[in-house]
């Protein structure tokens, strides 16, 4: 469809330019002055030529307008179909995918520098998933940064030596419990990071 539209657009463009060039000299003629300066037969011939040139120009202009409208309608329908398909894929591949998450992804993409018109035109589910993953990664980084506490609130004295592995396992278990209770994406991200740190 895109190839056919490109070819038709090029052909229409050539016809439009040709019709515009043919009509241009007649558009500059003052017919009232010409009617006084030319004899009746010459003026009638001039007016007939001008009318024919104008009719061709107007016809091609209307065709171009109709073509542009049809092409835009087809593009919009194709985008809608692609968007509907993308929603199905995203609902299948991304847990909890909904309009709110999609709005967050769009806002994130714009905040990272993508122009709004490009963000609104993205219908490829893989591209949207990649932006979503980047957003989740940035959220996880900010969560980890906020949860670092440099000064402990109280010192725990124990007779048993606490190993690094014990702390890592404890953090993983806590993250697991939080995820089971809330089911939130942030808690899932924290569990992932806790497991990764434990390894």
N, C-alpha and C. Protein backbone atom coordinates (compact mmCIF):
# COMPACT_ATOMS: atom_id res chain seq x y z
N UNK A 1 0.83 -1.20 0.00
CA UNK A 1 0.00 0.00 0.00
C UNK A 1 0.87 1.25 0.00
N UNK A 2 1.94 1.20 0.82
CA UNK A 2 2.84 2.36 0.91
C UNK A 2 3.52 2.62 -0.44
N UNK A 3 3.95 1.54 -1.10
CA UNK A 3 4.62 1.67 -2.41
C UNK A 3 3.66 2.24 -3.45
N UNK A 4 2.43 1.70 -3.46
CA UNK A 4 1.43 2.18 -4.42
C UNK A 4 1.10 3.65 -4.18
N UNK A 5 0.97 4.03 -2.91
CA UNK A 5 0.68 5.43 -2.58
C UNK A 5 1.82 6.36 -2.99
N UNK A 6 3.05 5.90 -2.79
CA UNK A 6 4.21 6.72 -3.16
C UNK A 6 4.24 6.94 -4.67
N UNK A 7 3.97 5.86 -5.42
CA UNK A 7 3.97 5.96 -6.89
C UNK A 7 2.85 6.89 -7.36
N UNK A 8 1.66 6.72 -6.81
CA UNK A 8 0.53 7.57 -7.19
C UNK A 8 0.79 9.03 -6.84
N UNK A 9 1.40 9.26 -5.67
CA UNK A 9 1.71 10.63 -5.25
C UNK A 9 2.68 11.29 -6.21
N UNK A 10 3.69 10.54 -6.67
CA UNK A 10 4.67 11.10 -7.61
C UNK A 10 4.00 11.44 -8.94
N UNK A 11 3.12 10.56 -9.41
CA UNK A 11 2.41 10.82 -10.68
C UNK A 11 1.49 12.03 -10.56
N UNK A 12 0.76 12.09 -9.45
CA UNK A 12 -0.13 13.23 -9.25
C UNK A 12 0.65 14.54 -9.13
N UNK A 13 1.80 14.48 -8.50
CA UNK A 13 2.63 15.67 -8.35
C UNK A 13 3.07 16.20 -9.72
N UNK A 14 3.48 15.27 -10.60
CA UNK A 14 3.89 15.69 -11.95
C UNK A 14 2.71 16.31 -12.71
N UNK A 15 1.54 15.68 -12.63
CA UNK A 15 0.34 16.20 -13.32
C UNK A 15 -0.05 17.57 -12.75
N UNK A 16 0.05 17.72 -11.44
CA UNK A 16 -0.30 18.99 -10.80
C UNK A 16 0.62 20.11 -11.28
N UNK A 17 1.92 19.83 -11.29
CA UNK A 17 2.88 20.85 -11.74
C UNK A 17 2.64 21.24 -13.19
N UNK A 18 2.35 20.25 -14.03
CA UNK A 18 2.10 20.52 -15.44
C UNK A 18 0.85 21.38 -15.61
N UNK A 19 -0.24 21.03 -14.89
CA UNK A 19 -1.49 21.80 -14.98
C UNK A 19 -1.30 23.22 -14.43
N UNK A 20 -0.52 23.34 -13.33
CA UNK A 20 -0.28 24.66 -12.74
C UNK A 20 0.52 25.55 -13.69
N UNK A 21 1.52 24.96 -14.36
CA UNK A 21 2.31 25.73 -15.34
C UNK A 21 1.45 26.18 -16.51
N UNK A 22 0.52 25.31 -16.96
CA UNK A 22 -0.34 25.66 -18.09
C UNK A 22 -1.31 26.78 -17.71
N UNK A 23 -1.81 26.74 -16.46
CA UNK A 23 -2.80 27.72 -16.03
C UNK A 23 -2.18 29.05 -15.65
N UNK A 24 -0.94 29.04 -15.17
CA UNK A 24 -0.30 30.24 -14.63
C UNK A 24 -0.36 31.46 -15.55
N UNK A 25 0.01 31.36 -16.85
CA UNK A 25 -0.04 32.58 -17.69
C UNK A 25 -1.44 33.16 -17.87
N UNK A 26 -2.44 32.27 -17.91
CA UNK A 26 -3.83 32.74 -18.06
C UNK A 26 -4.32 33.41 -16.79
N UNK A 27 -3.84 32.92 -15.63
CA UNK A 27 -4.28 33.49 -14.35
C UNK A 27 -3.84 34.95 -14.23
N UNK A 28 -2.79 35.32 -14.94
CA UNK A 28 -2.25 36.68 -14.84
C UNK A 28 -2.93 37.66 -15.82
N UNK A 29 -3.75 37.13 -16.71
CA UNK A 29 -4.39 37.99 -17.73
C UNK A 29 -5.64 38.65 -17.14
N UNK A 30 -5.76 39.95 -17.36
CA UNK A 30 -6.98 40.68 -16.99
C UNK A 30 -7.94 40.55 -18.17
N UNK A 31 -8.95 39.72 -18.00
CA UNK A 31 -9.87 39.41 -19.11
C UNK A 31 -10.65 40.65 -19.56
N UNK A 32 -10.93 41.58 -18.65
CA UNK A 32 -11.66 42.79 -19.03
C UNK A 32 -10.83 43.63 -20.00
N UNK A 33 -9.54 43.79 -19.69
CA UNK A 33 -8.63 44.54 -20.57
C UNK A 33 -8.48 43.81 -21.90
N UNK A 34 -8.33 42.47 -21.83
CA UNK A 34 -8.15 41.68 -23.05
C UNK A 34 -9.37 41.79 -23.96
N UNK A 35 -10.56 41.83 -23.37
CA UNK A 35 -11.78 41.92 -24.19
C UNK A 35 -11.84 43.22 -24.97
N UNK A 36 -11.22 44.28 -24.41
CA UNK A 36 -11.23 45.57 -25.09
C UNK A 36 -10.13 45.67 -26.14
N UNK A 37 -9.03 44.92 -25.93
CA UNK A 37 -7.88 45.04 -26.83
C UNK A 37 -7.94 44.05 -28.00
N UNK A 38 -8.62 42.93 -27.81
CA UNK A 38 -8.66 41.89 -28.85
C UNK A 38 -9.99 41.95 -29.59
N UNK A 39 -9.96 41.43 -30.84
CA UNK A 39 -11.24 41.33 -31.55
C UNK A 39 -12.03 40.18 -30.95
N UNK A 40 -13.26 40.06 -31.30
CA UNK A 40 -14.18 39.10 -30.67
C UNK A 40 -13.71 37.67 -30.82
N UNK A 41 -13.22 37.28 -32.02
CA UNK A 41 -12.79 35.89 -32.25
C UNK A 41 -11.54 35.56 -31.43
N UNK A 42 -10.57 36.47 -31.42
CA UNK A 42 -9.33 36.24 -30.67
C UNK A 42 -9.62 36.16 -29.17
N UNK A 43 -10.52 37.04 -28.67
CA UNK A 43 -10.85 37.02 -27.25
C UNK A 43 -11.58 35.73 -26.88
N UNK A 44 -12.48 35.27 -27.77
CA UNK A 44 -13.22 34.03 -27.50
C UNK A 44 -12.25 32.84 -27.44
N UNK A 45 -11.27 32.84 -28.36
CA UNK A 45 -10.28 31.76 -28.37
C UNK A 45 -9.43 31.80 -27.09
N UNK A 46 -9.02 33.02 -26.69
CA UNK A 46 -8.23 33.18 -25.47
C UNK A 46 -9.01 32.70 -24.25
N UNK A 47 -10.27 33.11 -24.18
CA UNK A 47 -11.09 32.71 -23.03
C UNK A 47 -11.31 31.20 -23.00
N UNK A 48 -11.48 30.57 -24.15
CA UNK A 48 -11.67 29.11 -24.20
C UNK A 48 -10.41 28.38 -23.74
N UNK A 49 -9.25 28.89 -24.19
CA UNK A 49 -7.97 28.27 -23.77
C UNK A 49 -7.77 28.43 -22.26
N UNK A 50 -8.08 29.63 -21.74
CA UNK A 50 -7.94 29.89 -20.31
C UNK A 50 -8.87 28.98 -19.50
N UNK A 51 -10.11 28.83 -19.98
CA UNK A 51 -11.08 27.99 -19.27
C UNK A 51 -10.62 26.53 -19.24
N UNK A 52 -10.10 26.06 -20.39
CA UNK A 52 -9.62 24.67 -20.45
C UNK A 52 -8.45 24.46 -19.51
N UNK A 53 -7.53 25.42 -19.46
CA UNK A 53 -6.37 25.33 -18.57
C UNK A 53 -6.82 25.34 -17.11
N UNK A 54 -7.81 26.20 -16.82
CA UNK A 54 -8.30 26.28 -15.43
C UNK A 54 -9.02 24.99 -15.02
N UNK A 55 -9.83 24.45 -15.95
CA UNK A 55 -10.56 23.21 -15.65
C UNK A 55 -9.59 22.06 -15.34
N UNK A 56 -8.51 21.98 -16.13
CA UNK A 56 -7.49 20.94 -15.86
C UNK A 56 -6.84 21.16 -14.50
N UNK A 57 -6.48 22.38 -14.22
CA UNK A 57 -5.81 22.72 -12.95
C UNK A 57 -6.73 22.40 -11.76
N UNK A 58 -7.99 22.81 -11.87
CA UNK A 58 -8.94 22.56 -10.78
C UNK A 58 -9.17 21.07 -10.58
N UNK A 59 -9.29 20.32 -11.68
CA UNK A 59 -9.52 18.87 -11.60
C UNK A 59 -8.35 18.17 -10.89
N UNK A 60 -7.13 18.51 -11.32
CA UNK A 60 -5.94 17.88 -10.71
C UNK A 60 -5.82 18.26 -9.24
N UNK A 61 -6.13 19.53 -8.91
CA UNK A 61 -6.08 19.98 -7.52
C UNK A 61 -7.05 19.18 -6.65
N UNK A 62 -8.26 18.96 -7.17
CA UNK A 62 -9.25 18.17 -6.44
C UNK A 62 -8.79 16.72 -6.28
N UNK A 63 -8.18 16.19 -7.33
CA UNK A 63 -7.67 14.81 -7.25
C UNK A 63 -6.57 14.69 -6.19
N UNK A 64 -5.69 15.69 -6.17
CA UNK A 64 -4.60 15.68 -5.17
C UNK A 64 -5.19 15.73 -3.76
N UNK A 65 -6.15 16.62 -3.55
CA UNK A 65 -6.79 16.74 -2.22
C UNK A 65 -7.45 15.43 -1.82
N UNK A 66 -8.15 14.81 -2.76
CA UNK A 66 -8.83 13.54 -2.48
C UNK A 66 -7.82 12.43 -2.18
N UNK A 67 -6.73 12.43 -2.94
CA UNK A 67 -5.69 11.42 -2.72
C UNK A 67 -5.07 11.56 -1.34
N UNK A 68 -4.76 12.80 -0.96
CA UNK A 68 -4.14 13.06 0.35
C UNK A 68 -5.10 12.62 1.47
N UNK A 69 -6.39 12.95 1.31
CA UNK A 69 -7.38 12.57 2.33
C UNK A 69 -7.47 11.04 2.44
N UNK A 70 -7.54 10.36 1.29
CA UNK A 70 -7.65 8.89 1.30
C UNK A 70 -6.40 8.26 1.92
N UNK A 71 -5.23 8.78 1.54
CA UNK A 71 -3.97 8.24 2.08
C UNK A 71 -3.91 8.44 3.60
N UNK A 72 -4.34 9.60 4.08
CA UNK A 72 -4.35 9.86 5.52
C UNK A 72 -5.32 8.94 6.25
N UNK A 73 -6.50 8.73 5.64
CA UNK A 73 -7.49 7.82 6.24
C UNK A 73 -6.94 6.40 6.33
N UNK A 74 -6.29 5.95 5.24
CA UNK A 74 -5.70 4.61 5.23
C UNK A 74 -4.61 4.49 6.29
N UNK A 75 -3.79 5.54 6.42
CA UNK A 75 -2.71 5.52 7.41
C UNK A 75 -3.28 5.45 8.82
N UNK A 76 -4.34 6.23 9.07
CA UNK A 76 -4.96 6.22 10.40
C UNK A 76 -5.55 4.85 10.72
N UNK A 77 -6.21 4.23 9.73
CA UNK A 77 -6.77 2.89 9.94
C UNK A 77 -5.67 1.87 10.22
N UNK A 78 -4.56 1.98 9.48
CA UNK A 78 -3.44 1.06 9.68
C UNK A 78 -2.85 1.24 11.08
N UNK A 79 -2.72 2.50 11.51
CA UNK A 79 -2.17 2.78 12.84
C UNK A 79 -3.10 2.22 13.93
N UNK A 80 -4.43 2.38 13.73
CA UNK A 80 -5.38 1.85 14.71
C UNK A 80 -5.28 0.33 14.80
N UNK A 81 -5.16 -0.33 13.63
CA UNK A 81 -5.05 -1.79 13.62
C UNK A 81 -3.76 -2.23 14.30
N UNK A 82 -2.67 -1.53 14.02
CA UNK A 82 -1.38 -1.86 14.65
C UNK A 82 -1.45 -1.63 16.15
N UNK A 83 -2.10 -0.55 16.56
CA UNK A 83 -2.21 -0.24 17.99
C UNK A 83 -3.03 -1.31 18.71
N UNK A 84 -4.13 -1.76 18.07
CA UNK A 84 -4.96 -2.80 18.69
C UNK A 84 -4.17 -4.09 18.85
N UNK A 85 -3.40 -4.43 17.83
CA UNK A 85 -2.55 -5.63 17.90
C UNK A 85 -1.48 -5.48 18.98
N UNK A 86 -0.90 -4.29 19.07
CA UNK A 86 0.13 -4.03 20.08
C UNK A 86 -0.43 -4.19 21.49
N UNK A 87 -1.66 -3.72 21.71
CA UNK A 87 -2.28 -3.85 23.03
C UNK A 87 -2.42 -5.32 23.41
N UNK A 88 -2.84 -6.15 22.45
CA UNK A 88 -2.98 -7.59 22.73
C UNK A 88 -1.64 -8.20 23.12
N UNK A 89 -0.60 -7.88 22.35
CA UNK A 89 0.73 -8.43 22.64
C UNK A 89 1.22 -7.95 24.00
N UNK A 90 1.04 -6.66 24.28
CA UNK A 90 1.54 -6.09 25.54
C UNK A 90 0.79 -6.65 26.74
N UNK A 91 -0.52 -6.86 26.61
CA UNK A 91 -1.28 -7.46 27.71
C UNK A 91 -0.80 -8.89 27.98
N UNK A 92 -0.36 -9.56 26.93
CA UNK A 92 0.13 -10.93 27.07
C UNK A 92 1.54 -10.97 27.66
N UNK A 93 2.39 -10.01 27.25
CA UNK A 93 3.81 -10.04 27.61
C UNK A 93 4.15 -9.24 28.87
N UNK A 94 3.37 -8.21 29.18
CA UNK A 94 3.69 -7.34 30.32
C UNK A 94 2.60 -7.49 31.38
N UNK A 95 2.93 -8.07 32.53
CA UNK A 95 1.93 -8.23 33.59
C UNK A 95 1.36 -6.89 34.03
N UNK A 96 0.03 -6.83 34.15
CA UNK A 96 -0.63 -5.62 34.62
C UNK A 96 -0.70 -4.50 33.59
N UNK A 97 -0.50 -4.83 32.31
CA UNK A 97 -0.53 -3.79 31.28
C UNK A 97 -1.93 -3.21 31.18
N UNK A 98 -2.03 -1.88 31.24
CA UNK A 98 -3.31 -1.19 31.06
C UNK A 98 -3.05 0.22 30.57
N UNK A 99 -4.10 1.01 30.45
CA UNK A 99 -3.97 2.37 29.91
C UNK A 99 -3.08 3.24 30.80
N UNK A 100 -3.18 3.04 32.13
CA UNK A 100 -2.37 3.83 33.06
C UNK A 100 -0.88 3.56 32.84
N UNK A 101 -0.53 2.28 32.69
CA UNK A 101 0.88 1.92 32.46
C UNK A 101 1.34 2.49 31.13
N UNK A 102 0.48 2.41 30.11
CA UNK A 102 0.83 2.95 28.79
C UNK A 102 1.07 4.46 28.87
N UNK A 103 0.22 5.16 29.62
CA UNK A 103 0.41 6.61 29.79
C UNK A 103 1.73 6.92 30.49
N UNK A 104 2.08 6.08 31.48
CA UNK A 104 3.36 6.27 32.18
C UNK A 104 4.54 6.05 31.23
N UNK A 105 4.42 5.04 30.37
CA UNK A 105 5.49 4.75 29.40
C UNK A 105 5.64 5.92 28.44
N UNK A 106 4.52 6.45 27.96
CA UNK A 106 4.57 7.59 27.03
C UNK A 106 5.20 8.81 27.71
N UNK A 107 4.78 9.08 28.95
CA UNK A 107 5.33 10.23 29.67
C UNK A 107 6.83 10.03 29.91
N UNK A 108 7.24 8.81 30.23
CA UNK A 108 8.66 8.51 30.44
C UNK A 108 9.45 8.75 29.16
N UNK A 109 8.94 8.25 28.02
CA UNK A 109 9.64 8.41 26.74
C UNK A 109 9.81 9.89 26.41
N UNK A 110 8.76 10.69 26.65
CA UNK A 110 8.85 12.12 26.39
C UNK A 110 9.85 12.79 27.33
N UNK A 111 9.85 12.35 28.61
CA UNK A 111 10.78 12.95 29.57
C UNK A 111 12.24 12.62 29.22
N UNK A 112 12.45 11.53 28.49
CA UNK A 112 13.79 11.14 28.07
C UNK A 112 14.21 11.80 26.75
N UNK A 113 13.33 12.63 26.17
CA UNK A 113 13.71 13.40 24.99
C UNK A 113 13.05 13.03 23.68
N UNK A 114 12.20 11.99 23.66
CA UNK A 114 11.51 11.66 22.42
C UNK A 114 10.39 12.67 22.18
N UNK A 115 10.28 13.21 20.96
CA UNK A 115 9.19 14.15 20.68
C UNK A 115 7.82 13.47 20.80
N UNK A 116 6.82 14.22 21.24
CA UNK A 116 5.48 13.67 21.48
C UNK A 116 4.91 13.00 20.24
N UNK A 117 5.10 13.63 19.06
CA UNK A 117 4.51 13.06 17.84
C UNK A 117 5.13 11.71 17.49
N UNK A 118 6.41 11.52 17.84
CA UNK A 118 7.05 10.22 17.60
C UNK A 118 6.54 9.20 18.61
N UNK A 119 6.42 9.61 19.87
CA UNK A 119 5.92 8.70 20.91
C UNK A 119 4.50 8.24 20.56
N UNK A 120 3.65 9.18 20.12
CA UNK A 120 2.27 8.84 19.79
C UNK A 120 2.17 7.91 18.58
N UNK A 121 3.19 7.94 17.72
CA UNK A 121 3.16 7.12 16.49
C UNK A 121 3.75 5.72 16.71
N UNK A 122 4.35 5.45 17.87
CA UNK A 122 4.95 4.14 18.10
C UNK A 122 3.86 3.12 18.36
N UNK A 123 3.77 2.11 17.47
CA UNK A 123 2.78 1.05 17.64
C UNK A 123 3.44 -0.33 17.68
N UNK A 124 4.74 -0.36 17.59
CA UNK A 124 5.46 -1.64 17.65
C UNK A 124 5.53 -2.09 19.11
N UNK A 125 4.92 -3.25 19.45
CA UNK A 125 4.91 -3.67 20.85
C UNK A 125 6.31 -3.92 21.42
N UNK A 126 7.25 -4.35 20.57
CA UNK A 126 8.61 -4.59 21.04
C UNK A 126 9.26 -3.28 21.48
N UNK A 127 9.07 -2.22 20.68
CA UNK A 127 9.63 -0.91 21.03
C UNK A 127 9.01 -0.39 22.32
N UNK A 128 7.70 -0.58 22.48
CA UNK A 128 7.02 -0.11 23.69
C UNK A 128 7.51 -0.89 24.91
N UNK A 129 7.71 -2.20 24.74
CA UNK A 129 8.24 -3.02 25.85
C UNK A 129 9.64 -2.57 26.26
N UNK A 130 10.46 -2.22 25.28
CA UNK A 130 11.81 -1.76 25.60
C UNK A 130 11.78 -0.46 26.39
N UNK A 131 10.89 0.45 25.99
CA UNK A 131 10.75 1.71 26.73
C UNK A 131 10.25 1.40 28.16
N UNK A 132 9.30 0.46 28.27
CA UNK A 132 8.77 0.07 29.58
C UNK A 132 9.88 -0.50 30.46
N UNK A 133 10.73 -1.35 29.88
CA UNK A 133 11.83 -1.94 30.65
C UNK A 133 12.81 -0.86 31.11
N UNK A 134 13.09 0.09 30.24
CA UNK A 134 13.99 1.19 30.61
C UNK A 134 13.39 1.99 31.76
N UNK A 135 12.07 2.22 31.69
CA UNK A 135 11.39 2.96 32.75
C UNK A 135 11.48 2.19 34.07
N UNK A 136 11.24 0.87 34.01
CA UNK A 136 11.31 0.04 35.21
C UNK A 136 12.72 0.06 35.80
N UNK A 137 13.72 0.00 34.93
CA UNK A 137 15.11 0.02 35.38
C UNK A 137 15.42 1.33 36.11
N UNK A 138 14.99 2.45 35.51
CA UNK A 138 15.24 3.75 36.15
C UNK A 138 14.50 3.86 37.48
N UNK A 139 13.28 3.31 37.54
CA UNK A 139 12.53 3.32 38.80
C UNK A 139 13.27 2.50 39.85
N UNK A 140 13.77 1.33 39.44
CA UNK A 140 14.48 0.45 40.38
C UNK A 140 15.73 1.13 40.91
N UNK A 141 16.45 1.84 40.05
CA UNK A 141 17.65 2.56 40.49
C UNK A 141 17.30 3.60 41.53
N UNK A 142 16.21 4.33 41.31
CA UNK A 142 15.83 5.38 42.26
C UNK A 142 15.36 4.77 43.58
N UNK A 143 14.70 3.61 43.53
CA UNK A 143 14.25 2.94 44.75
C UNK A 143 15.45 2.49 45.56
N UNK A 144 16.44 1.88 44.90
CA UNK A 144 17.65 1.41 45.59
C UNK A 144 18.39 2.59 46.20
N UNK A 145 18.49 3.69 45.48
CA UNK A 145 19.19 4.87 45.97
C UNK A 145 18.50 5.44 47.21
N UNK A 146 17.16 5.47 47.19
CA UNK A 146 16.43 6.03 48.32
C UNK A 146 16.51 5.15 49.56
N UNK A 147 16.64 3.83 49.40
CA UNK A 147 16.59 2.92 50.54
C UNK A 147 17.93 2.73 51.24
N UNK A 148 18.99 3.30 50.72
CA UNK A 148 20.30 3.17 51.37
C UNK A 148 20.31 4.03 52.63
N UNK A 149 20.63 3.41 53.76
CA UNK A 149 20.67 4.14 55.03
C UNK A 149 22.08 4.02 55.58
N UNK A 150 22.79 5.14 55.63
CA UNK A 150 24.20 5.12 56.03
C UNK A 150 24.39 5.01 57.54
N UNK A 151 23.45 5.51 58.35
CA UNK A 151 23.61 5.44 59.80
C UNK A 151 22.58 4.49 60.38
N UNK A 152 23.02 3.40 60.99
CA UNK A 152 22.05 2.47 61.56
C UNK A 152 21.35 3.10 62.75
N UNK A 153 20.06 2.74 62.91
CA UNK A 153 19.27 3.32 63.98
C UNK A 153 19.69 2.74 65.34
N UNK A 154 19.96 1.43 65.40
CA UNK A 154 20.45 0.88 66.66
C UNK A 154 21.41 -0.26 66.38
N UNK A 155 22.32 -0.41 67.28
CA UNK A 155 23.34 -1.43 67.13
C UNK A 155 22.83 -2.71 67.79
N UNK A 156 22.87 -3.79 67.04
CA UNK A 156 22.41 -5.07 67.57
C UNK A 156 23.64 -5.87 67.97
N UNK A 157 23.65 -6.28 69.23
CA UNK A 157 24.75 -7.12 69.71
C UNK A 157 24.26 -8.55 69.70
N UNK A 158 25.07 -9.39 69.17
CA UNK A 158 24.69 -10.80 69.11
C UNK A 158 25.90 -11.67 69.35
N UNK A 159 25.62 -12.84 69.86
CA UNK A 159 26.73 -13.77 70.09
C UNK A 159 27.05 -14.52 68.81
N UNK A 160 26.04 -14.65 67.93
CA UNK A 160 26.26 -15.35 66.66
C UNK A 160 26.78 -14.36 65.63
N UNK A 161 27.80 -14.75 64.95
CA UNK A 161 28.35 -13.88 63.91
C UNK A 161 27.41 -13.91 62.70
N UNK A 162 27.02 -12.72 62.23
CA UNK A 162 26.13 -12.63 61.07
C UNK A 162 26.98 -12.59 59.82
N UNK A 163 26.76 -13.55 58.95
CA UNK A 163 27.55 -13.61 57.72
C UNK A 163 26.88 -12.78 56.64
N UNK A 164 27.65 -12.45 55.61
CA UNK A 164 27.12 -11.68 54.48
C UNK A 164 26.02 -12.45 53.78
N UNK A 165 26.18 -13.76 53.68
CA UNK A 165 25.18 -14.59 53.00
C UNK A 165 23.85 -14.56 53.74
N UNK A 166 23.93 -14.56 55.12
CA UNK A 166 22.70 -14.50 55.91
C UNK A 166 21.93 -13.22 55.61
N UNK A 167 22.64 -12.10 55.51
CA UNK A 167 22.01 -10.80 55.24
C UNK A 167 21.36 -10.81 53.86
N UNK A 168 22.09 -11.37 52.88
CA UNK A 168 21.56 -11.40 51.51
C UNK A 168 20.30 -12.25 51.42
N UNK A 169 20.33 -13.42 52.08
CA UNK A 169 19.16 -14.31 52.07
C UNK A 169 18.00 -13.62 52.76
N UNK A 170 18.29 -12.93 53.91
CA UNK A 170 17.25 -12.22 54.64
C UNK A 170 16.60 -11.15 53.77
N UNK A 171 17.40 -10.39 53.03
CA UNK A 171 16.87 -9.35 52.15
C UNK A 171 16.00 -9.96 51.05
N UNK A 172 16.44 -11.08 50.50
CA UNK A 172 15.67 -11.76 49.45
C UNK A 172 14.33 -12.23 50.00
N UNK A 173 14.33 -12.81 51.22
CA UNK A 173 13.10 -13.31 51.84
C UNK A 173 12.13 -12.16 52.11
N UNK A 174 12.68 -11.05 52.63
CA UNK A 174 11.82 -9.88 52.90
C UNK A 174 11.19 -9.36 51.61
N UNK A 175 12.01 -9.29 50.56
CA UNK A 175 11.50 -8.80 49.26
C UNK A 175 10.41 -9.74 48.74
N UNK A 176 10.60 -11.06 48.93
CA UNK A 176 9.61 -12.05 48.50
C UNK A 176 8.29 -11.84 49.22
N UNK A 177 8.36 -11.63 50.54
CA UNK A 177 7.15 -11.43 51.34
C UNK A 177 6.41 -10.17 50.93
N UNK A 178 7.19 -9.08 50.69
CA UNK A 178 6.56 -7.82 50.26
C UNK A 178 5.85 -8.00 48.92
N UNK A 179 6.47 -8.72 47.99
CA UNK A 179 5.86 -8.94 46.68
C UNK A 179 4.60 -9.78 46.81
N UNK A 180 4.63 -10.81 47.67
CA UNK A 180 3.45 -11.66 47.86
C UNK A 180 2.29 -10.85 48.43
N UNK A 181 2.59 -9.86 49.28
CA UNK A 181 1.53 -9.06 49.90
C UNK A 181 0.99 -8.00 48.95
N UNK A 182 1.89 -7.31 48.23
CA UNK A 182 1.44 -6.17 47.42
C UNK A 182 1.19 -6.52 45.96
N UNK A 183 2.03 -7.40 45.40
CA UNK A 183 1.93 -7.73 43.97
C UNK A 183 2.32 -6.58 43.06
N UNK A 184 2.99 -5.56 43.61
CA UNK A 184 3.33 -4.38 42.81
C UNK A 184 4.59 -4.61 41.98
N UNK A 185 4.69 -3.83 40.89
CA UNK A 185 5.85 -3.91 40.00
C UNK A 185 7.13 -3.49 40.72
N UNK A 186 7.01 -2.47 41.60
CA UNK A 186 8.19 -2.01 42.33
C UNK A 186 8.75 -3.10 43.24
N UNK A 187 7.85 -3.84 43.92
CA UNK A 187 8.30 -4.91 44.80
C UNK A 187 8.91 -6.06 44.00
N UNK A 188 8.35 -6.32 42.78
CA UNK A 188 8.94 -7.35 41.91
C UNK A 188 10.34 -6.94 41.49
N UNK A 189 10.52 -5.68 41.20
CA UNK A 189 11.84 -5.16 40.81
C UNK A 189 12.82 -5.28 41.97
N UNK A 190 12.34 -4.97 43.18
CA UNK A 190 13.21 -5.07 44.37
C UNK A 190 13.63 -6.52 44.62
N UNK A 191 12.69 -7.47 44.40
CA UNK A 191 13.03 -8.88 44.58
C UNK A 191 14.10 -9.29 43.57
N UNK A 192 13.92 -8.84 42.34
CA UNK A 192 14.90 -9.15 41.29
C UNK A 192 16.28 -8.63 41.68
N UNK A 193 16.33 -7.38 42.17
CA UNK A 193 17.61 -6.78 42.55
C UNK A 193 18.22 -7.48 43.76
N UNK A 194 17.37 -7.91 44.72
CA UNK A 194 17.87 -8.60 45.90
C UNK A 194 18.48 -9.94 45.52
N UNK A 195 17.80 -10.66 44.60
CA UNK A 195 18.35 -11.95 44.15
C UNK A 195 19.65 -11.76 43.39
N UNK A 196 19.66 -10.73 42.59
CA UNK A 196 20.88 -10.45 41.80
C UNK A 196 22.05 -10.12 42.73
N UNK A 197 21.77 -9.34 43.79
CA UNK A 197 22.82 -8.97 44.74
C UNK A 197 23.29 -10.21 45.51
N UNK A 198 22.35 -11.12 45.80
CA UNK A 198 22.71 -12.32 46.55
C UNK A 198 23.63 -13.23 45.76
N UNK A 199 23.46 -13.22 44.45
CA UNK A 199 24.33 -14.05 43.60
C UNK A 199 25.68 -13.41 43.43
